[in-house]
């Protein structure tokens, strides 16, 4: 039975497979466990309301996904509230990691209180290139002047950047005060940060080793 279960979970291309919010929809107990852990941790503090909690739903391509998971997230939060007697200050938002999500940002902003642009995945899904496997040919593309730089190191302004601009504009058309930022390796690249500043994003973030 274990072997059959392992085989059934195998994926040929897991980067585009059963992950992100898809996993949360198929197996809601995973997200319920994670949300409970976050809010039970916050409840251990006397000043739980002073803690600004952000719950971010990953890899959504539609407002319906965000809506379904948001309902479940709030149910768990309310349970922890009842059990702990504490109140919480939180927002529920989403990662914009797919071109469809960027184009449907006006709808998604009806449910998402903030967007974090997952630029690593947004670059992968826009170019159709895996970040893990691009090393074998990306140098030839730069040498041949097909592209100016590795799009996983410096944000591709013309393509990926255009999707971010569209999503920013459309998200704000629905929710003018929406918080917007990027979460990816590009958050450590000066030129990419300059672009984010120009279009009025709220913040950039990246892994520690990318900080200048």
N, C-alpha and C. Protein backbone atom coordinates (compact mmCIF):
# COMPACT_ATOMS: atom_id res chain seq x y z
N UNK A 1 0.83 -1.21 0.00
CA UNK A 1 0.00 0.00 0.00
C UNK A 1 0.87 1.26 0.00
N UNK A 2 1.95 1.23 0.78
CA UNK A 2 2.85 2.39 0.82
C UNK A 2 3.49 2.60 -0.55
N UNK A 3 3.94 1.50 -1.17
CA UNK A 3 4.56 1.56 -2.50
C UNK A 3 3.58 2.12 -3.53
N UNK A 4 2.34 1.67 -3.47
CA UNK A 4 1.32 2.17 -4.40
C UNK A 4 1.08 3.66 -4.20
N UNK A 5 1.09 4.09 -2.92
CA UNK A 5 0.87 5.50 -2.62
C UNK A 5 2.03 6.35 -3.15
N UNK A 6 3.25 5.87 -2.96
CA UNK A 6 4.43 6.58 -3.45
C UNK A 6 4.37 6.71 -4.98
N UNK A 7 4.03 5.60 -5.64
CA UNK A 7 3.94 5.63 -7.11
C UNK A 7 2.86 6.60 -7.59
N UNK A 8 1.75 6.66 -6.88
CA UNK A 8 0.65 7.53 -7.30
C UNK A 8 1.00 9.00 -7.14
N UNK A 9 1.94 9.30 -6.23
CA UNK A 9 2.34 10.69 -5.99
C UNK A 9 3.49 11.16 -6.89
N UNK A 10 4.06 10.22 -7.66
CA UNK A 10 5.18 10.59 -8.54
C UNK A 10 4.71 11.55 -9.62
N UNK A 11 5.53 12.57 -9.91
CA UNK A 11 5.19 13.53 -10.96
C UNK A 11 6.34 13.65 -11.94
N UNK A 12 6.00 13.73 -13.23
CA UNK A 12 7.02 13.85 -14.26
C UNK A 12 7.66 15.22 -14.26
N UNK A 13 6.87 16.25 -13.96
CA UNK A 13 7.38 17.62 -13.95
C UNK A 13 6.83 18.34 -12.73
N UNK A 14 7.39 18.07 -11.56
CA UNK A 14 6.82 18.64 -10.32
C UNK A 14 6.84 20.16 -10.26
N UNK A 15 7.72 20.83 -11.03
CA UNK A 15 7.73 22.28 -11.01
C UNK A 15 6.37 22.83 -11.45
N UNK A 16 5.72 22.12 -12.37
CA UNK A 16 4.40 22.55 -12.87
C UNK A 16 3.30 21.63 -12.37
N UNK A 17 3.58 20.90 -11.31
CA UNK A 17 2.65 19.86 -10.88
C UNK A 17 1.83 20.19 -9.65
N UNK A 18 1.76 19.21 -8.77
CA UNK A 18 0.86 19.24 -7.62
C UNK A 18 1.55 19.95 -6.45
N UNK A 19 1.60 21.26 -6.52
CA UNK A 19 2.25 22.03 -5.46
C UNK A 19 1.53 23.36 -5.29
N UNK A 20 2.03 24.17 -4.35
CA UNK A 20 1.38 25.45 -4.09
C UNK A 20 -0.04 25.25 -3.60
N UNK A 21 -0.92 26.16 -4.00
CA UNK A 21 -2.30 26.11 -3.51
C UNK A 21 -3.04 24.87 -4.02
N UNK A 22 -2.55 24.25 -5.08
CA UNK A 22 -3.17 23.01 -5.57
C UNK A 22 -3.12 21.92 -4.50
N UNK A 23 -1.99 21.88 -3.82
CA UNK A 23 -1.82 20.92 -2.74
C UNK A 23 -2.77 21.25 -1.59
N UNK A 24 -2.92 22.55 -1.31
CA UNK A 24 -3.81 22.98 -0.24
C UNK A 24 -5.27 22.68 -0.53
N UNK A 25 -5.64 22.72 -1.81
CA UNK A 25 -7.02 22.39 -2.18
C UNK A 25 -7.25 20.88 -2.12
N UNK A 26 -6.28 20.11 -2.58
CA UNK A 26 -6.41 18.64 -2.55
C UNK A 26 -6.30 18.08 -1.14
N UNK A 27 -5.41 18.69 -0.34
CA UNK A 27 -5.16 18.21 1.02
C UNK A 27 -5.27 19.39 1.99
N UNK A 28 -6.49 19.84 2.27
CA UNK A 28 -6.66 21.03 3.12
C UNK A 28 -6.06 20.90 4.51
N UNK A 29 -5.88 19.67 4.97
CA UNK A 29 -5.32 19.49 6.32
C UNK A 29 -3.89 20.02 6.42
N UNK A 30 -3.17 20.07 5.29
CA UNK A 30 -1.79 20.59 5.30
C UNK A 30 -1.81 22.08 5.61
N UNK A 31 -2.65 22.83 4.92
CA UNK A 31 -2.72 24.27 5.16
C UNK A 31 -3.34 24.58 6.52
N UNK A 32 -4.32 23.78 6.90
CA UNK A 32 -4.93 23.98 8.22
C UNK A 32 -3.88 23.82 9.32
N UNK A 33 -3.02 22.84 9.17
CA UNK A 33 -1.95 22.62 10.15
C UNK A 33 -0.99 23.81 10.18
N UNK A 34 -0.63 24.31 9.01
CA UNK A 34 0.33 25.42 8.95
C UNK A 34 -0.26 26.70 9.53
N UNK A 35 -1.52 26.99 9.18
CA UNK A 35 -2.17 28.20 9.70
C UNK A 35 -2.34 28.10 11.22
N UNK A 36 -2.73 26.94 11.68
CA UNK A 36 -2.88 26.74 13.13
C UNK A 36 -1.54 26.98 13.83
N UNK A 37 -0.46 26.48 13.26
CA UNK A 37 0.86 26.66 13.88
C UNK A 37 1.23 28.14 13.97
N UNK A 38 0.95 28.90 12.92
CA UNK A 38 1.27 30.33 12.90
C UNK A 38 0.50 31.07 14.00
N UNK A 39 -0.80 30.81 14.06
CA UNK A 39 -1.64 31.59 14.98
C UNK A 39 -1.54 31.09 16.43
N UNK A 40 -1.27 29.82 16.62
CA UNK A 40 -1.00 29.35 17.98
C UNK A 40 0.30 29.95 18.50
N UNK A 41 1.27 30.11 17.62
CA UNK A 41 2.53 30.76 18.02
C UNK A 41 2.27 32.21 18.42
N UNK A 42 1.47 32.91 17.61
CA UNK A 42 1.15 34.31 17.93
C UNK A 42 0.38 34.41 19.24
N UNK A 43 -0.45 33.41 19.51
CA UNK A 43 -1.28 33.43 20.74
C UNK A 43 -0.45 33.29 22.01
N UNK A 44 0.79 32.84 21.88
CA UNK A 44 1.64 32.69 23.07
C UNK A 44 2.12 34.04 23.60
N UNK A 45 1.95 35.11 22.81
CA UNK A 45 2.38 36.45 23.21
C UNK A 45 1.21 37.22 23.82
N UNK A 46 1.50 37.96 24.86
CA UNK A 46 0.46 38.79 25.48
C UNK A 46 -0.06 39.84 24.49
N UNK A 47 0.84 40.35 23.67
CA UNK A 47 0.46 41.40 22.72
C UNK A 47 0.20 40.82 21.33
N UNK A 48 -0.59 39.76 21.26
CA UNK A 48 -0.82 39.06 19.99
C UNK A 48 -1.38 39.98 18.91
N UNK A 49 -2.15 41.00 19.30
CA UNK A 49 -2.75 41.90 18.31
C UNK A 49 -1.71 42.83 17.68
N UNK A 50 -0.56 42.98 18.32
CA UNK A 50 0.48 43.85 17.78
C UNK A 50 1.32 43.15 16.71
N UNK A 51 1.16 41.85 16.62
CA UNK A 51 1.93 41.08 15.63
C UNK A 51 1.20 41.13 14.29
N UNK A 52 1.86 41.62 13.26
CA UNK A 52 1.23 41.72 11.94
C UNK A 52 1.51 40.44 11.15
N UNK A 53 0.48 39.62 11.06
CA UNK A 53 0.62 38.31 10.42
C UNK A 53 0.16 38.40 8.97
N UNK A 54 0.96 37.86 8.06
CA UNK A 54 0.57 37.78 6.66
C UNK A 54 0.54 36.32 6.24
N UNK A 55 -0.62 35.87 5.79
CA UNK A 55 -0.79 34.51 5.27
C UNK A 55 -0.82 34.62 3.75
N UNK A 56 0.15 33.98 3.11
CA UNK A 56 0.30 34.12 1.66
C UNK A 56 0.00 32.79 0.96
N UNK A 57 -0.98 32.83 0.07
CA UNK A 57 -1.40 31.64 -0.68
C UNK A 57 -0.57 31.56 -1.96
N UNK A 58 0.18 30.48 -2.15
CA UNK A 58 1.11 30.42 -3.28
C UNK A 58 0.53 29.79 -4.55
N UNK A 59 1.07 30.23 -5.69
CA UNK A 59 0.87 29.61 -7.00
C UNK A 59 -0.59 29.62 -7.47
N UNK A 60 -1.36 30.59 -7.05
CA UNK A 60 -2.75 30.68 -7.51
C UNK A 60 -2.80 31.24 -8.93
N UNK A 61 -3.74 30.74 -9.73
CA UNK A 61 -3.95 31.34 -11.05
C UNK A 61 -5.37 31.89 -11.21
N UNK A 62 -6.18 31.80 -10.13
CA UNK A 62 -7.55 32.30 -10.21
C UNK A 62 -8.02 32.79 -8.85
N UNK A 63 -9.00 33.68 -8.88
CA UNK A 63 -9.57 34.19 -7.64
C UNK A 63 -10.30 33.08 -6.88
N UNK A 64 -10.82 32.10 -7.60
CA UNK A 64 -11.55 31.01 -6.95
C UNK A 64 -10.65 30.22 -6.02
N UNK A 65 -9.41 29.98 -6.43
CA UNK A 65 -8.46 29.27 -5.56
C UNK A 65 -8.23 30.05 -4.28
N UNK A 66 -7.99 31.36 -4.44
CA UNK A 66 -7.75 32.21 -3.26
C UNK A 66 -8.97 32.22 -2.36
N UNK A 67 -10.14 32.32 -2.95
CA UNK A 67 -11.40 32.36 -2.19
C UNK A 67 -11.59 31.07 -1.39
N UNK A 68 -11.42 29.92 -2.04
CA UNK A 68 -11.59 28.63 -1.36
C UNK A 68 -10.67 28.49 -0.17
N UNK A 69 -9.41 28.83 -0.37
CA UNK A 69 -8.43 28.65 0.70
C UNK A 69 -8.56 29.72 1.77
N UNK A 70 -8.96 30.92 1.38
CA UNK A 70 -9.15 31.99 2.35
C UNK A 70 -10.24 31.63 3.36
N UNK A 71 -11.32 31.04 2.86
CA UNK A 71 -12.41 30.60 3.75
C UNK A 71 -11.89 29.61 4.78
N UNK A 72 -11.07 28.66 4.32
CA UNK A 72 -10.54 27.63 5.23
C UNK A 72 -9.54 28.23 6.22
N UNK A 73 -8.73 29.16 5.73
CA UNK A 73 -7.76 29.82 6.61
C UNK A 73 -8.48 30.57 7.73
N UNK A 74 -9.51 31.31 7.38
CA UNK A 74 -10.25 32.10 8.37
C UNK A 74 -10.95 31.19 9.38
N UNK A 75 -11.45 30.04 8.92
CA UNK A 75 -12.07 29.08 9.84
C UNK A 75 -11.08 28.64 10.92
N UNK A 76 -9.85 28.34 10.51
CA UNK A 76 -8.83 27.90 11.47
C UNK A 76 -8.46 29.05 12.41
N UNK A 77 -8.32 30.25 11.85
CA UNK A 77 -7.99 31.41 12.69
C UNK A 77 -9.06 31.62 13.75
N UNK A 78 -10.32 31.50 13.36
CA UNK A 78 -11.42 31.68 14.32
C UNK A 78 -11.42 30.59 15.39
N UNK A 79 -11.02 29.39 15.02
CA UNK A 79 -10.91 28.30 16.01
C UNK A 79 -9.83 28.63 17.04
N UNK A 80 -8.67 29.10 16.55
CA UNK A 80 -7.58 29.45 17.46
C UNK A 80 -7.99 30.63 18.34
N UNK A 81 -8.71 31.58 17.77
CA UNK A 81 -9.23 32.71 18.56
C UNK A 81 -10.09 32.21 19.71
N UNK A 82 -11.02 31.29 19.39
CA UNK A 82 -11.93 30.77 20.40
C UNK A 82 -11.19 29.99 21.47
N UNK A 83 -10.18 29.22 21.06
CA UNK A 83 -9.44 28.39 22.01
C UNK A 83 -8.50 29.21 22.90
N UNK A 84 -7.93 30.27 22.33
CA UNK A 84 -6.91 31.04 23.06
C UNK A 84 -7.47 32.30 23.73
N UNK A 85 -8.63 32.75 23.25
CA UNK A 85 -9.17 34.01 23.76
C UNK A 85 -8.40 35.22 23.28
N UNK A 86 -7.55 35.05 22.26
CA UNK A 86 -6.74 36.15 21.73
C UNK A 86 -7.30 36.65 20.40
N UNK A 87 -7.00 37.93 20.12
CA UNK A 87 -7.34 38.50 18.82
C UNK A 87 -6.06 38.64 17.99
N UNK A 88 -6.23 38.64 16.69
CA UNK A 88 -5.07 38.67 15.80
C UNK A 88 -5.23 39.76 14.74
N UNK A 89 -4.10 40.32 14.35
CA UNK A 89 -4.04 41.32 13.29
C UNK A 89 -3.40 40.63 12.08
N UNK A 90 -4.20 40.34 11.07
CA UNK A 90 -3.66 39.55 9.96
C UNK A 90 -4.22 40.02 8.62
N UNK A 91 -3.49 39.67 7.58
CA UNK A 91 -3.93 39.87 6.20
C UNK A 91 -3.73 38.56 5.45
N UNK A 92 -4.57 38.34 4.47
CA UNK A 92 -4.44 37.16 3.61
C UNK A 92 -4.21 37.64 2.18
N UNK A 93 -3.11 37.20 1.59
CA UNK A 93 -2.77 37.62 0.24
C UNK A 93 -2.32 36.44 -0.59
N UNK A 94 -1.69 36.73 -1.71
CA UNK A 94 -1.27 35.64 -2.59
C UNK A 94 0.05 35.97 -3.28
N UNK A 95 0.69 34.93 -3.76
CA UNK A 95 1.87 35.07 -4.60
C UNK A 95 1.40 35.17 -6.05
N UNK A 96 1.95 36.09 -6.81
CA UNK A 96 1.71 36.16 -8.25
C UNK A 96 2.92 35.53 -8.92
N UNK A 97 2.76 34.27 -9.34
CA UNK A 97 3.88 33.50 -9.88
C UNK A 97 3.62 32.97 -11.28
N UNK A 98 2.40 33.23 -11.77
CA UNK A 98 1.99 32.69 -13.07
C UNK A 98 1.47 33.81 -13.95
N UNK A 99 1.77 33.77 -15.26
CA UNK A 99 1.26 34.82 -16.16
C UNK A 99 -0.25 35.01 -16.07
N UNK A 100 -0.99 33.93 -15.93
CA UNK A 100 -2.46 34.06 -15.83
C UNK A 100 -2.86 34.84 -14.58
N UNK A 101 -2.15 34.60 -13.49
CA UNK A 101 -2.45 35.34 -12.26
C UNK A 101 -2.19 36.84 -12.46
N UNK A 102 -1.11 37.17 -13.15
CA UNK A 102 -0.80 38.58 -13.41
C UNK A 102 -1.90 39.23 -14.24
N UNK A 103 -2.38 38.51 -15.25
CA UNK A 103 -3.41 39.06 -16.13
C UNK A 103 -4.77 39.14 -15.44
N UNK A 104 -5.01 38.28 -14.46
CA UNK A 104 -6.30 38.25 -13.75
C UNK A 104 -6.20 38.95 -12.39
N UNK A 105 -5.23 39.83 -12.26
CA UNK A 105 -4.96 40.45 -10.96
C UNK A 105 -6.13 41.26 -10.43
N UNK A 106 -6.91 41.88 -11.31
CA UNK A 106 -8.06 42.68 -10.85
C UNK A 106 -9.06 41.80 -10.11
N UNK A 107 -9.31 40.59 -10.64
CA UNK A 107 -10.21 39.64 -9.97
C UNK A 107 -9.59 39.13 -8.67
N UNK A 108 -8.32 38.73 -8.75
CA UNK A 108 -7.66 38.13 -7.59
C UNK A 108 -7.60 39.12 -6.42
N UNK A 109 -7.46 40.41 -6.73
CA UNK A 109 -7.39 41.43 -5.68
C UNK A 109 -8.70 41.60 -4.92
N UNK A 110 -9.78 41.03 -5.44
CA UNK A 110 -11.05 41.06 -4.69
C UNK A 110 -10.93 40.27 -3.40
N UNK A 111 -10.09 39.24 -3.41
CA UNK A 111 -9.91 38.39 -2.24
C UNK A 111 -8.56 38.55 -1.58
N UNK A 112 -7.54 38.93 -2.35
CA UNK A 112 -6.18 39.04 -1.82
C UNK A 112 -5.90 40.45 -1.34
N UNK A 113 -5.44 40.58 -0.10
CA UNK A 113 -5.16 41.90 0.47
C UNK A 113 -3.75 42.38 0.13
N UNK A 114 -2.92 41.48 -0.37
CA UNK A 114 -1.59 41.88 -0.84
C UNK A 114 -1.13 40.90 -1.90
N UNK A 115 -0.23 41.37 -2.76
CA UNK A 115 0.43 40.52 -3.75
C UNK A 115 1.92 40.49 -3.44
N UNK A 116 2.51 39.32 -3.52
CA UNK A 116 3.96 39.21 -3.52
C UNK A 116 4.33 38.53 -4.83
N UNK A 117 5.06 39.23 -5.68
CA UNK A 117 5.43 38.66 -6.97
C UNK A 117 6.57 37.67 -6.77
N UNK A 118 6.27 36.40 -7.00
CA UNK A 118 7.29 35.35 -6.89
C UNK A 118 8.07 35.33 -8.19
N UNK A 119 9.10 36.18 -8.26
CA UNK A 119 9.75 36.41 -9.56
C UNK A 119 10.55 35.21 -10.06
N UNK A 120 10.97 34.32 -9.16
CA UNK A 120 11.68 33.12 -9.63
C UNK A 120 10.73 32.28 -10.50
N UNK A 121 9.55 31.96 -9.96
CA UNK A 121 8.60 31.15 -10.71
C UNK A 121 7.97 31.92 -11.85
N UNK A 122 7.73 33.21 -11.66
CA UNK A 122 7.14 34.00 -12.75
C UNK A 122 8.08 34.04 -13.95
N UNK A 123 9.38 34.08 -13.68
CA UNK A 123 10.36 34.03 -14.76
C UNK A 123 10.35 32.66 -15.43
N UNK A 124 10.30 31.61 -14.64
CA UNK A 124 10.26 30.25 -15.19
C UNK A 124 9.05 30.04 -16.09
N UNK A 125 7.88 30.47 -15.59
CA UNK A 125 6.64 30.21 -16.34
C UNK A 125 6.46 31.15 -17.51
N UNK A 126 7.09 32.31 -17.48
CA UNK A 126 7.01 33.24 -18.61
C UNK A 126 7.93 32.80 -19.74
N UNK A 127 9.15 32.40 -19.39
CA UNK A 127 10.12 31.97 -20.40
C UNK A 127 9.95 30.50 -20.80
N UNK A 128 9.29 29.72 -19.94
CA UNK A 128 9.25 28.27 -20.19
C UNK A 128 10.60 27.64 -19.99
N UNK A 129 11.40 28.22 -19.08
CA UNK A 129 12.75 27.73 -18.79
C UNK A 129 12.82 27.38 -17.31
N UNK A 130 13.38 26.21 -17.01
CA UNK A 130 13.58 25.82 -15.62
C UNK A 130 14.87 26.47 -15.09
N UNK A 131 14.75 27.12 -13.96
CA UNK A 131 15.92 27.76 -13.35
C UNK A 131 17.01 26.73 -13.06
N UNK A 132 16.60 25.51 -12.70
CA UNK A 132 17.57 24.48 -12.32
C UNK A 132 18.35 23.94 -13.52
N UNK A 133 17.78 24.05 -14.72
CA UNK A 133 18.39 23.41 -15.89
C UNK A 133 18.91 24.39 -16.93
N UNK A 134 18.81 25.70 -16.67
CA UNK A 134 19.15 26.67 -17.71
C UNK A 134 20.64 26.89 -17.86
N UNK A 135 21.43 26.44 -16.88
CA UNK A 135 22.87 26.67 -16.90
C UNK A 135 23.56 26.10 -18.12
N UNK A 136 22.98 25.05 -18.72
CA UNK A 136 23.62 24.38 -19.85
C UNK A 136 23.58 25.18 -21.14
N UNK A 137 22.69 26.18 -21.24
CA UNK A 137 22.58 26.92 -22.50
C UNK A 137 22.47 28.43 -22.33
N UNK A 138 22.25 28.92 -21.12
CA UNK A 138 21.98 30.34 -20.96
C UNK A 138 23.19 31.19 -21.36
N UNK A 139 24.41 30.64 -21.16
CA UNK A 139 25.63 31.36 -21.55
C UNK A 139 25.68 31.59 -23.05
N UNK A 140 25.24 30.60 -23.85
CA UNK A 140 25.24 30.74 -25.30
C UNK A 140 24.23 31.81 -25.74
N UNK A 141 23.12 31.89 -25.03
CA UNK A 141 22.11 32.89 -25.33
C UNK A 141 22.61 34.30 -25.05
N UNK A 142 23.42 34.43 -23.99
CA UNK A 142 23.99 35.75 -23.67
C UNK A 142 25.09 36.09 -24.68
N UNK A 143 25.96 35.10 -24.98
CA UNK A 143 27.04 35.34 -25.96
C UNK A 143 26.49 35.66 -27.34
N UNK A 144 25.38 35.02 -27.69
CA UNK A 144 24.77 35.22 -29.01
C UNK A 144 23.86 36.44 -29.08
N UNK A 145 23.82 37.21 -28.00
CA UNK A 145 23.02 38.45 -27.94
C UNK A 145 21.51 38.19 -28.09
N UNK A 146 21.08 36.96 -27.77
CA UNK A 146 19.64 36.67 -27.79
C UNK A 146 19.00 37.33 -26.58
N UNK A 147 19.70 37.25 -25.45
CA UNK A 147 19.30 37.97 -24.25
C UNK A 147 20.53 38.68 -23.70
N UNK A 148 20.32 39.74 -22.93
CA UNK A 148 21.44 40.51 -22.42
C UNK A 148 22.02 39.94 -21.14
N UNK A 149 21.18 39.25 -20.37
CA UNK A 149 21.63 38.75 -19.07
C UNK A 149 20.77 37.56 -18.66
N UNK A 150 21.24 36.83 -17.69
CA UNK A 150 20.49 35.70 -17.15
C UNK A 150 19.21 36.22 -16.50
N UNK A 151 18.03 35.82 -17.00
CA UNK A 151 16.78 36.36 -16.45
C UNK A 151 16.49 35.90 -15.03
N UNK A 152 17.25 34.93 -14.54
CA UNK A 152 17.07 34.49 -13.15
C UNK A 152 17.95 35.30 -12.19
N UNK A 153 18.85 36.10 -12.75
CA UNK A 153 19.72 36.95 -11.94
C UNK A 153 19.23 38.40 -11.96
N UNK A 154 18.91 38.87 -13.16
CA UNK A 154 18.37 40.24 -13.33
C UNK A 154 17.00 40.13 -13.97
N UNK A 155 16.04 40.83 -13.40
CA UNK A 155 14.65 40.75 -13.86
C UNK A 155 14.54 41.13 -15.33
N UNK A 156 13.82 40.33 -16.08
CA UNK A 156 13.52 40.62 -17.48
C UNK A 156 12.44 41.70 -17.52
N UNK A 157 12.82 42.93 -17.73
CA UNK A 157 11.89 44.06 -17.66
C UNK A 157 10.85 43.99 -18.78
N UNK A 158 11.29 43.60 -19.98
CA UNK A 158 10.39 43.62 -21.14
C UNK A 158 9.26 42.61 -21.05
N UNK A 159 9.52 41.45 -20.48
CA UNK A 159 8.50 40.41 -20.42
C UNK A 159 7.93 40.22 -19.03
N UNK A 160 8.75 39.72 -18.12
CA UNK A 160 8.31 39.48 -16.74
C UNK A 160 7.94 40.81 -16.08
N UNK A 161 8.76 41.84 -16.32
CA UNK A 161 8.48 43.15 -15.75
C UNK A 161 7.16 43.71 -16.25
N UNK A 162 6.85 43.46 -17.53
CA UNK A 162 5.58 43.94 -18.09
C UNK A 162 4.39 43.27 -17.41
N UNK A 163 4.53 41.98 -17.12
CA UNK A 163 3.46 41.27 -16.39
C UNK A 163 3.28 41.84 -14.99
N UNK A 164 4.40 42.17 -14.34
CA UNK A 164 4.32 42.76 -13.00
C UNK A 164 3.63 44.13 -13.07
N UNK A 165 3.96 44.93 -14.08
CA UNK A 165 3.32 46.24 -14.24
C UNK A 165 1.82 46.08 -14.47
N UNK A 166 1.44 45.13 -15.31
CA UNK A 166 0.01 44.89 -15.59
C UNK A 166 -0.71 44.47 -14.31
N UNK A 167 -0.11 43.53 -13.58
CA UNK A 167 -0.73 43.05 -12.34
C UNK A 167 -0.83 44.16 -11.30
N UNK A 168 0.20 45.00 -11.24
CA UNK A 168 0.20 46.12 -10.30
C UNK A 168 -0.96 47.08 -10.61
N UNK A 169 -1.08 47.43 -11.88
CA UNK A 169 -2.14 48.35 -12.30
C UNK A 169 -3.52 47.75 -12.06
N UNK A 170 -3.69 46.49 -12.45
CA UNK A 170 -5.01 45.86 -12.33
C UNK A 170 -5.35 45.56 -10.88
N UNK A 171 -4.37 45.16 -10.09
CA UNK A 171 -4.62 44.92 -8.67
C UNK A 171 -5.07 46.19 -7.97
N UNK A 172 -4.40 47.30 -8.29
CA UNK A 172 -4.74 48.59 -7.67
C UNK A 172 -6.10 49.11 -8.16
N UNK A 173 -6.51 48.71 -9.36
CA UNK A 173 -7.82 49.16 -9.86
C UNK A 173 -8.95 48.59 -9.01
N UNK A 174 -8.72 47.41 -8.42
CA UNK A 174 -9.71 46.79 -7.55
C UNK A 174 -9.52 47.19 -6.09
N UNK A 175 -8.25 47.23 -5.68
CA UNK A 175 -7.93 47.51 -4.27
C UNK A 175 -6.80 48.55 -4.25
N UNK A 176 -7.16 49.83 -4.23
CA UNK A 176 -6.15 50.90 -4.36
C UNK A 176 -5.03 50.85 -3.32
N UNK A 177 -5.32 50.33 -2.12
CA UNK A 177 -4.31 50.31 -1.07
C UNK A 177 -3.58 48.97 -0.97
N UNK A 178 -3.67 48.15 -2.01
CA UNK A 178 -3.06 46.81 -1.96
C UNK A 178 -1.54 46.93 -1.77
N UNK A 179 -1.01 46.08 -0.90
CA UNK A 179 0.43 46.04 -0.64
C UNK A 179 1.08 45.16 -1.71
N UNK A 180 2.14 45.66 -2.33
CA UNK A 180 2.77 44.96 -3.44
C UNK A 180 4.28 44.87 -3.23
N UNK A 181 4.84 43.70 -3.52
CA UNK A 181 6.28 43.55 -3.41
C UNK A 181 6.75 42.36 -4.21
N UNK A 182 8.05 42.14 -4.22
CA UNK A 182 8.56 40.95 -4.89
C UNK A 182 9.30 40.08 -3.89
N UNK A 183 9.25 38.79 -4.15
CA UNK A 183 9.89 37.79 -3.31
C UNK A 183 10.65 36.86 -4.25
N UNK A 184 11.95 37.04 -4.35
CA UNK A 184 12.72 36.21 -5.27
C UNK A 184 14.16 36.70 -5.31
N UNK A 185 14.99 35.99 -6.05
CA UNK A 185 16.40 36.34 -6.12
C UNK A 185 16.61 37.73 -6.71
N UNK A 186 15.65 38.20 -7.52
CA UNK A 186 15.78 39.51 -8.14
C UNK A 186 15.76 40.64 -7.11
N UNK A 187 15.26 40.34 -5.91
CA UNK A 187 15.24 41.34 -4.85
C UNK A 187 16.62 41.73 -4.37
N UNK A 188 17.66 41.04 -4.83
CA UNK A 188 19.04 41.37 -4.48
C UNK A 188 19.81 42.00 -5.62
N UNK A 189 19.13 42.30 -6.73
CA UNK A 189 19.81 42.87 -7.90
C UNK A 189 19.46 44.35 -8.01
N UNK A 190 20.46 45.25 -8.01
CA UNK A 190 20.18 46.70 -8.01
C UNK A 190 19.28 47.17 -9.15
N UNK A 191 19.52 46.69 -10.38
CA UNK A 191 18.70 47.11 -11.52
C UNK A 191 17.25 46.66 -11.36
N UNK A 192 17.07 45.46 -10.82
CA UNK A 192 15.72 44.95 -10.60
C UNK A 192 15.01 45.76 -9.52
N UNK A 193 15.76 46.12 -8.47
CA UNK A 193 15.20 46.94 -7.39
C UNK A 193 14.79 48.31 -7.94
N UNK A 194 15.60 48.86 -8.82
CA UNK A 194 15.29 50.16 -9.42
C UNK A 194 13.97 50.11 -10.18
N UNK A 195 13.75 49.03 -10.92
CA UNK A 195 12.49 48.85 -11.64
C UNK A 195 11.31 48.77 -10.67
N UNK A 196 11.46 48.01 -9.60
CA UNK A 196 10.40 47.86 -8.60
C UNK A 196 10.05 49.21 -7.98
N UNK A 197 11.07 50.03 -7.77
CA UNK A 197 10.85 51.36 -7.20
C UNK A 197 10.10 52.25 -8.20
N UNK A 198 10.46 52.15 -9.47
CA UNK A 198 9.84 52.98 -10.51
C UNK A 198 8.34 52.70 -10.64
N UNK A 199 7.93 51.45 -10.48
CA UNK A 199 6.50 51.14 -10.64
C UNK A 199 5.75 51.20 -9.31
N UNK A 200 6.46 51.60 -8.24
CA UNK A 200 5.80 51.89 -6.98
C UNK A 200 5.48 50.70 -6.10
N UNK A 201 6.32 49.66 -6.17
CA UNK A 201 6.10 48.52 -5.26
C UNK A 201 6.44 48.94 -3.83
N UNK A 202 5.88 48.21 -2.87
CA UNK A 202 6.04 48.55 -1.46
C UNK A 202 7.38 48.06 -0.90
N UNK A 203 7.80 46.87 -1.35
CA UNK A 203 9.01 46.28 -0.77
C UNK A 203 9.65 45.30 -1.76
N UNK A 204 10.90 44.97 -1.53
CA UNK A 204 11.55 43.84 -2.19
C UNK A 204 12.12 42.93 -1.11
N UNK A 205 12.19 41.66 -1.41
CA UNK A 205 12.83 40.73 -0.47
C UNK A 205 13.58 39.68 -1.27
N UNK A 206 14.58 39.07 -0.64
CA UNK A 206 15.35 38.02 -1.28
C UNK A 206 16.02 37.18 -0.22
N UNK A 207 16.67 36.12 -0.62
CA UNK A 207 17.38 35.27 0.34
C UNK A 207 18.63 36.02 0.84
N UNK A 208 19.09 35.71 2.06
CA UNK A 208 20.17 36.48 2.68
C UNK A 208 21.45 36.60 1.83
N UNK A 209 21.82 35.54 1.12
CA UNK A 209 23.09 35.61 0.41
C UNK A 209 23.04 36.53 -0.82
N UNK A 210 21.82 36.99 -1.20
CA UNK A 210 21.69 37.90 -2.31
C UNK A 210 21.76 39.37 -1.87
N UNK A 211 21.75 39.61 -0.57
CA UNK A 211 21.82 40.99 -0.07
C UNK A 211 23.24 41.53 -0.34
N UNK A 212 23.29 42.71 -0.92
CA UNK A 212 24.61 43.27 -1.29
C UNK A 212 25.46 43.50 -0.04
